[in-house]
């Protein structure tokens, strides 16, 4: 598919589906850089979400008296 065909296909899709806003990532690759502080904050966020998920799973297992899942 040529670049022109691709752009025409994307434009046609956006027109026919009535999409008025589309994340940049679905049309072109981003060229932005993310600051180290933001990456660190995101890592902390992901770690906190995972810890909360594991705690919730542990609590549910205790309530239901299930054996812990095998590690992946």
PDB file of N, CA and C in Angstrom:
ATOM      1  N   UNK A   1       0.855  -1.167   0.000  1.00  0.00           N
ATOM      2  CA  UNK A   1       0.000   0.000   0.000  1.00  0.00           C
ATOM      3  C   UNK A   1       0.900   1.229   0.000  1.00  0.00           C
ATOM      4  N   UNK A   2       0.680   2.108  -0.932  1.00  0.00           N
ATOM      5  CA  UNK A   2       1.502   3.316  -1.015  1.00  0.00           C
ATOM      6  C   UNK A   2       1.114   4.287   0.097  1.00  0.00           C
ATOM      7  N   UNK A   3       1.968   5.257   0.326  1.00  0.00           N
ATOM      8  CA  UNK A   3       1.707   6.272   1.355  1.00  0.00           C
ATOM      9  C   UNK A   3       0.419   7.036   1.052  1.00  0.00           C
ATOM     10  N   UNK A   4       0.219   7.372  -0.213  1.00  0.00           N
ATOM     11  CA  UNK A   4      -0.997   8.098  -0.606  1.00  0.00           C
ATOM     12  C   UNK A   4      -2.242   7.237  -0.378  1.00  0.00           C
ATOM     13  N   UNK A   5      -2.154   5.946  -0.720  1.00  0.00           N
ATOM     14  CA  UNK A   5      -3.286   5.041  -0.490  1.00  0.00           C
ATOM     15  C   UNK A   5      -3.589   4.913   1.004  1.00  0.00           C
ATOM     16  N   UNK A   6      -2.535   4.823   1.796  1.00  0.00           N
ATOM     17  CA  UNK A   6      -2.700   4.708   3.242  1.00  0.00           C
ATOM     18  C   UNK A   6      -3.391   5.945   3.808  1.00  0.00           C
ATOM     19  N   UNK A   7      -2.901   7.122   3.421  1.00  0.00           N
ATOM     20  CA  UNK A   7      -3.495   8.366   3.905  1.00  0.00           C
ATOM     21  C   UNK A   7      -4.948   8.484   3.467  1.00  0.00           C
ATOM     22  N   UNK A   8      -5.245   8.074   2.241  1.00  0.00           N
ATOM     23  CA  UNK A   8      -6.621   8.117   1.747  1.00  0.00           C
ATOM     24  C   UNK A   8      -7.502   7.148   2.535  1.00  0.00           C
ATOM     25  N   UNK A   9      -6.970   5.971   2.852  1.00  0.00           N
ATOM     26  CA  UNK A   9      -7.738   4.986   3.612  1.00  0.00           C
ATOM     27  C   UNK A   9      -8.029   5.491   5.025  1.00  0.00           C
ATOM     28  N   UNK A  10      -7.046   6.108   5.654  1.00  0.00           N
ATOM     29  CA  UNK A  10      -7.247   6.659   6.998  1.00  0.00           C
ATOM     30  C   UNK A  10      -8.281   7.772   6.954  1.00  0.00           C
ATOM     31  N   UNK A  11      -8.165   8.661   5.980  1.00  0.00           N
ATOM     32  CA  UNK A  11      -9.120   9.766   5.849  1.00  0.00           C
ATOM     33  C   UNK A  11     -10.530   9.236   5.601  1.00  0.00           C
ATOM     34  N   UNK A  12     -10.655   8.226   4.752  1.00  0.00           N
ATOM     35  CA  UNK A  12     -11.970   7.647   4.463  1.00  0.00           C
ATOM     36  C   UNK A  12     -12.554   6.999   5.712  1.00  0.00           C
ATOM     37  N   UNK A  13     -11.729   6.303   6.466  1.00  0.00           N
ATOM     38  CA  UNK A  13     -12.202   5.670   7.700  1.00  0.00           C
ATOM     39  C   UNK A  13     -12.713   6.725   8.677  1.00  0.00           C
ATOM     40  N   UNK A  14     -11.920   7.772   8.867  1.00  0.00           N
ATOM     41  CA  UNK A  14     -12.321   8.822   9.798  1.00  0.00           C
ATOM     42  C   UNK A  14     -13.618   9.490   9.351  1.00  0.00           C
ATOM     43  N   UNK A  15     -13.767   9.680   8.036  1.00  0.00           N
ATOM     44  CA  UNK A  15     -14.988  10.293   7.493  1.00  0.00           C
ATOM     45  C   UNK A  15     -16.201   9.393   7.689  1.00  0.00           C
ATOM     46  N   UNK A  16     -16.078   8.126   7.328  1.00  0.00           N
ATOM     47  CA  UNK A  16     -17.232   7.224   7.358  1.00  0.00           C
ATOM     48  C   UNK A  16     -17.633   6.825   8.770  1.00  0.00           C
ATOM     49  N   UNK A  17     -16.682   6.747   9.672  1.00  0.00           N
ATOM     50  CA  UNK A  17     -16.997   6.347  11.043  1.00  0.00           C
ATOM     51  C   UNK A  17     -17.417   7.535  11.906  1.00  0.00           C
ATOM     52  N   UNK A  18     -17.319   8.730  11.363  1.00  0.00           N
ATOM     53  CA  UNK A  18     -17.712   9.912  12.117  1.00  0.00           C
ATOM     54  C   UNK A  18     -16.758  10.249  13.247  1.00  0.00           C
ATOM     55  N   UNK A  19     -15.531   9.816  13.131  1.00  0.00           N
ATOM     56  CA  UNK A  19     -14.544  10.096  14.160  1.00  0.00           C
ATOM     57  C   UNK A  19     -14.122  11.549  14.029  1.00  0.00           C
ATOM     58  N   UNK A  20     -14.279  12.299  15.121  1.00  0.00           N
ATOM     59  CA  UNK A  20     -13.887  13.704  15.080  1.00  0.00           C
ATOM     60  C   UNK A  20     -12.552  13.931  15.763  1.00  0.00           C
ATOM     61  N   UNK A  21     -12.209  13.036  16.676  1.00  0.00           N
ATOM     62  CA  UNK A  21     -10.916  13.138  17.339  1.00  0.00           C
ATOM     63  C   UNK A  21     -10.260  11.769  17.294  1.00  0.00           C
ATOM     64  N   UNK A  22      -9.001  11.743  17.005  1.00  0.00           N
ATOM     65  CA  UNK A  22      -8.282  10.482  16.922  1.00  0.00           C
ATOM     66  C   UNK A  22      -6.920  10.670  17.579  1.00  0.00           C
ATOM     67  N   UNK A  23      -6.521   9.768  18.456  1.00  0.00           N
ATOM     68  CA  UNK A  23      -5.185   9.896  19.040  1.00  0.00           C
ATOM     69  C   UNK A  23      -4.119   9.888  17.947  1.00  0.00           C
ATOM     70  N   UNK A  24      -3.141  10.715  18.128  1.00  0.00           N
ATOM     71  CA  UNK A  24      -2.063  10.816  17.150  1.00  0.00           C
ATOM     72  C   UNK A  24      -1.437   9.465  16.874  1.00  0.00           C
ATOM     73  N   UNK A  25      -1.357   8.632  17.874  1.00  0.00           N
ATOM     74  CA  UNK A  25      -0.682   7.352  17.728  1.00  0.00           C
ATOM     75  C   UNK A  25      -1.321   6.479  16.661  1.00  0.00           C
ATOM     76  N   UNK A  26      -2.611   6.647  16.385  1.00  0.00           N
ATOM     77  CA  UNK A  26      -3.229   5.779  15.384  1.00  0.00           C
ATOM     78  C   UNK A  26      -3.039   6.315  13.970  1.00  0.00           C
ATOM     79  N   UNK A  27      -2.496   7.505  13.822  1.00  0.00           N
ATOM     80  CA  UNK A  27      -2.297   8.061  12.490  1.00  0.00           C
ATOM     81  C   UNK A  27      -0.812   8.144  12.143  1.00  0.00           C
ATOM     82  N   UNK A  28      -0.015   8.686  13.047  1.00  0.00           N
ATOM     83  CA  UNK A  28       1.419   8.816  12.808  1.00  0.00           C
ATOM     84  C   UNK A  28       2.172   8.484  14.097  1.00  0.00           C
ATOM     85  N   UNK A  29       3.400   8.007  13.964  1.00  0.00           N
ATOM     86  CA  UNK A  29       4.182   7.738  15.165  1.00  0.00           C
ATOM     87  C   UNK A  29       4.539   9.041  15.884  1.00  0.00           C
ATOM     88  N   UNK A  30       4.628   8.974  17.193  1.00  0.00           N
ATOM     89  CA  UNK A  30       4.973  10.166  17.956  1.00  0.00           C
ATOM     90  C   UNK A  30       6.472  10.419  17.904  1.00  0.00           C
ATOM     91  N   UNK A  31       6.820  11.668  18.032  1.00  0.00           N
ATOM     92  CA  UNK A  31       8.232  12.021  18.055  1.00  0.00           C
ATOM     93  C   UNK A  31       8.570  12.743  19.347  1.00  0.00           C
ATOM     94  N   UNK A  32       7.691  12.649  20.311  1.00  0.00           N
ATOM     95  CA  UNK A  32       7.904  13.311  21.589  1.00  0.00           C
ATOM     96  C   UNK A  32       8.852  12.493  22.454  1.00  0.00           C
ATOM     97  N   UNK A  33       9.464  13.169  23.393  1.00  0.00           N
ATOM     98  CA  UNK A  33      10.279  12.481  24.384  1.00  0.00           C
ATOM     99  C   UNK A  33       9.618  12.676  25.740  1.00  0.00           C
ATOM    100  N   UNK A  34       9.731  11.677  26.572  1.00  0.00           N
ATOM    101  CA  UNK A  34       9.122  11.722  27.895  1.00  0.00           C
ATOM    102  C   UNK A  34      10.226  11.956  28.911  1.00  0.00           C
ATOM    103  N   UNK A  35      10.004  12.923  29.777  1.00  0.00           N
ATOM    104  CA  UNK A  35      11.002  13.263  30.789  1.00  0.00           C
ATOM    105  C   UNK A  35      11.212  12.089  31.740  1.00  0.00           C
ATOM    106  N   UNK A  36      12.416  11.983  32.265  1.00  0.00           N
ATOM    107  CA  UNK A  36      12.741  10.892  33.190  1.00  0.00           C
ATOM    108  C   UNK A  36      11.838  10.925  34.416  1.00  0.00           C
ATOM    109  N   UNK A  37      11.514  12.104  34.907  1.00  0.00           N
ATOM    110  CA  UNK A  37      10.630  12.210  36.078  1.00  0.00           C
ATOM    111  C   UNK A  37       9.256  11.625  35.771  1.00  0.00           C
ATOM    112  N   UNK A  38       8.759  11.854  34.563  1.00  0.00           N
ATOM    113  CA  UNK A  38       7.462  11.299  34.172  1.00  0.00           C
ATOM    114  C   UNK A  38       7.531   9.783  34.038  1.00  0.00           C
ATOM    115  N   UNK A  39       8.636   9.285  33.483  1.00  0.00           N
ATOM    116  CA  UNK A  39       8.800   7.833  33.375  1.00  0.00           C
ATOM    117  C   UNK A  39       8.872   7.190  34.752  1.00  0.00           C
ATOM    118  N   UNK A  40       9.588   7.842  35.676  1.00  0.00           N
ATOM    119  CA  UNK A  40       9.693   7.318  37.041  1.00  0.00           C
ATOM    120  C   UNK A  40       8.327   7.335  37.723  1.00  0.00           C
ATOM    121  N   UNK A  41       7.574   8.406  37.526  1.00  0.00           N
ATOM    122  CA  UNK A  41       6.234   8.492  38.117  1.00  0.00           C
ATOM    123  C   UNK A  41       5.339   7.400  37.551  1.00  0.00           C
ATOM    124  N   UNK A  42       5.461   7.127  36.272  1.00  0.00           N
ATOM    125  CA  UNK A  42       4.648   6.074  35.662  1.00  0.00           C
ATOM    126  C   UNK A  42       5.040   4.704  36.202  1.00  0.00           C
ATOM    127  N   UNK A  43       6.343   4.465  36.361  1.00  0.00           N
ATOM    128  CA  UNK A  43       6.789   3.191  36.936  1.00  0.00           C
ATOM    129  C   UNK A  43       6.227   3.017  38.349  1.00  0.00           C
ATOM    130  N   UNK A  44       6.247   4.098  39.133  1.00  0.00           N
ATOM    131  CA  UNK A  44       5.685   4.037  40.487  1.00  0.00           C
ATOM    132  C   UNK A  44       4.193   3.740  40.440  1.00  0.00           C
ATOM    133  N   UNK A  45       3.494   4.374  39.516  1.00  0.00           N
ATOM    134  CA  UNK A  45       2.051   4.161  39.357  1.00  0.00           C
ATOM    135  C   UNK A  45       1.759   2.701  39.016  1.00  0.00           C
ATOM    136  N   UNK A  46       2.507   2.154  38.061  1.00  0.00           N
ATOM    137  CA  UNK A  46       2.305   0.763  37.653  1.00  0.00           C
ATOM    138  C   UNK A  46       2.605  -0.179  38.818  1.00  0.00           C
ATOM    139  N   UNK A  47       3.663   0.095  39.557  1.00  0.00           N
ATOM    140  CA  UNK A  47       4.014  -0.751  40.700  1.00  0.00           C
ATOM    141  C   UNK A  47       2.924  -0.698  41.770  1.00  0.00           C
ATOM    142  N   UNK A  48       2.374   0.476  42.026  1.00  0.00           N
ATOM    143  CA  UNK A  48       1.306   0.611  43.023  1.00  0.00           C
ATOM    144  C   UNK A  48       0.047  -0.121  42.576  1.00  0.00           C
ATOM    145  N   UNK A  49      -0.292  -0.016  41.296  1.00  0.00           N
ATOM    146  CA  UNK A  49      -1.469  -0.721  40.776  1.00  0.00           C
ATOM    147  C   UNK A  49      -1.282  -2.233  40.891  1.00  0.00           C
ATOM    148  N   UNK A  50      -0.095  -2.713  40.580  1.00  0.00           N
ATOM    149  CA  UNK A  50       0.180  -4.150  40.666  1.00  0.00           C
ATOM    150  C   UNK A  50       0.127  -4.617  42.117  1.00  0.00           C
ATOM    151  N   UNK A  51       0.688  -3.827  43.034  1.00  0.00           N
ATOM    152  CA  UNK A  51       0.643  -4.190  44.452  1.00  0.00           C
ATOM    153  C   UNK A  51      -0.802  -4.240  44.946  1.00  0.00           C
ATOM    154  N   UNK A  52      -1.617  -3.287  44.519  1.00  0.00           N
ATOM    155  CA  UNK A  52      -3.032  -3.279  44.916  1.00  0.00           C
ATOM    156  C   UNK A  52      -3.756  -4.487  44.336  1.00  0.00           C
ATOM    157  N   UNK A  53      -3.438  -4.842  43.099  1.00  0.00           N
ATOM    158  CA  UNK A  53      -4.064  -6.005  42.467  1.00  0.00           C
ATOM    159  C   UNK A  53      -3.701  -7.283  43.216  1.00  0.00           C
ATOM    160  N   UNK A  54      -2.423  -7.425  43.553  1.00  0.00           N
ATOM    161  CA  UNK A  54      -1.982  -8.619  44.274  1.00  0.00           C
ATOM    162  C   UNK A  54      -2.603  -8.693  45.665  1.00  0.00           C
ATOM    163  N   UNK A  55      -2.718  -7.557  46.338  1.00  0.00           N
ATOM    164  CA  UNK A  55      -3.338  -7.534  47.662  1.00  0.00           C
ATOM    165  C   UNK A  55      -4.809  -7.913  47.573  1.00  0.00           C
ATOM    166  N   UNK A  56      -5.483  -7.402  46.572  1.00  0.00           N
ATOM    167  CA  UNK A  56      -6.893  -7.743  46.367  1.00  0.00           C
ATOM    168  C   UNK A  56      -7.041  -9.241  46.085  1.00  0.00           C
ATOM    169  N   UNK A  57      -6.144  -9.774  45.260  1.00  0.00           N
ATOM    170  CA  UNK A  57      -6.174 -11.198  44.937  1.00  0.00           C
ATOM    171  C   UNK A  57      -5.925 -12.034  46.196  1.00  0.00           C
ATOM    172  N   UNK A  58      -4.962 -11.615  46.999  1.00  0.00           N
ATOM    173  CA  UNK A  58      -4.636 -12.331  48.234  1.00  0.00           C
ATOM    174  C   UNK A  58      -5.832 -12.326  49.187  1.00  0.00           C
ATOM    175  N   UNK A  59      -6.466 -11.174  49.330  1.00  0.00           N
ATOM    176  CA  UNK A  59      -7.638 -11.063  50.200  1.00  0.00           C
ATOM    177  C   UNK A  59      -8.766 -11.955  49.710  1.00  0.00           C
ATOM    178  N   UNK A  60      -9.013 -11.946  48.422  1.00  0.00           N
ATOM    179  CA  UNK A  60     -10.072 -12.777  47.850  1.00  0.00           C
ATOM    180  C   UNK A  60      -9.771 -14.259  48.064  1.00  0.00           C
ATOM    181  N   UNK A  61      -8.519 -14.643  47.897  1.00  0.00           N
ATOM    182  CA  UNK A  61      -8.140 -16.041  48.118  1.00  0.00           C
ATOM    183  C   UNK A  61      -8.362 -16.441  49.571  1.00  0.00           C
ATOM    184  N   UNK A  62      -8.052 -15.525  50.496  1.00  0.00           N
ATOM    185  CA  UNK A  62      -8.259 -15.825  51.912  1.00  0.00           C
ATOM    186  C   UNK A  62      -9.747 -15.977  52.220  1.00  0.00           C
ATOM    187  N   UNK A  63     -10.554 -15.116  51.628  1.00  0.00           N
ATOM    188  CA  UNK A  63     -12.001 -15.188  51.851  1.00  0.00           C
ATOM    189  C   UNK A  63     -12.556 -16.495  51.306  1.00  0.00           C
ATOM    190  N   UNK A  64     -12.112 -16.874  50.127  1.00  0.00           N
ATOM    191  CA  UNK A  64     -12.626 -18.074  49.470  1.00  0.00           C
ATOM    192  C   UNK A  64     -11.845 -19.331  49.831  1.00  0.00           C
ATOM    193  N   UNK A  65     -10.790 -19.177  50.634  1.00  0.00           N
ATOM    194  CA  UNK A  65      -9.940 -20.292  51.059  1.00  0.00           C
ATOM    195  C   UNK A  65      -9.360 -21.045  49.857  1.00  0.00           C
ATOM    196  N   UNK A  66      -8.855 -20.289  48.909  1.00  0.00           N
ATOM    197  CA  UNK A  66      -8.240 -20.888  47.726  1.00  0.00           C
ATOM    198  C   UNK A  66      -6.743 -20.977  47.929  1.00  0.00           C
ATOM    199  N   UNK A  67      -6.131 -21.901  47.230  1.00  0.00           N
ATOM    200  CA  UNK A  67      -4.679 -21.972  47.269  1.00  0.00           C
ATOM    201  C   UNK A  67      -4.127 -20.864  46.384  1.00  0.00           C
ATOM    202  N   UNK A  68      -2.942 -20.332  46.717  1.00  0.00           N
ATOM    203  CA  UNK A  68      -2.366 -19.257  45.905  1.00  0.00           C
ATOM    204  C   UNK A  68      -2.059 -19.747  44.492  1.00  0.00           C
ATOM    205  N   UNK A  69      -2.148 -18.855  43.514  1.00  0.00           N
ATOM    206  CA  UNK A  69      -1.841 -19.263  42.141  1.00  0.00           C
ATOM    207  C   UNK A  69      -0.355 -19.542  41.981  1.00  0.00           C
ATOM    208  N   UNK A  70      -0.029 -20.383  41.044  1.00  0.00           N
ATOM    209  CA  UNK A  70       1.379 -20.663  40.774  1.00  0.00           C
ATOM    210  C   UNK A  70       1.999 -19.451  40.100  1.00  0.00           C
ATOM    211  N   UNK A  71       3.269 -19.151  40.404  1.00  0.00           N
ATOM    212  CA  UNK A  71       3.930 -17.988  39.791  1.00  0.00           C
ATOM    213  C   UNK A  71       4.037 -18.165  38.285  1.00  0.00           C
ATOM    214  N   UNK A  72       3.955 -17.053  37.590  1.00  0.00           N
ATOM    215  CA  UNK A  72       4.025 -17.099  36.116  1.00  0.00           C
ATOM    216  C   UNK A  72       5.434 -17.029  35.654  1.00  0.00           C
TER     217      UNK A  72
END
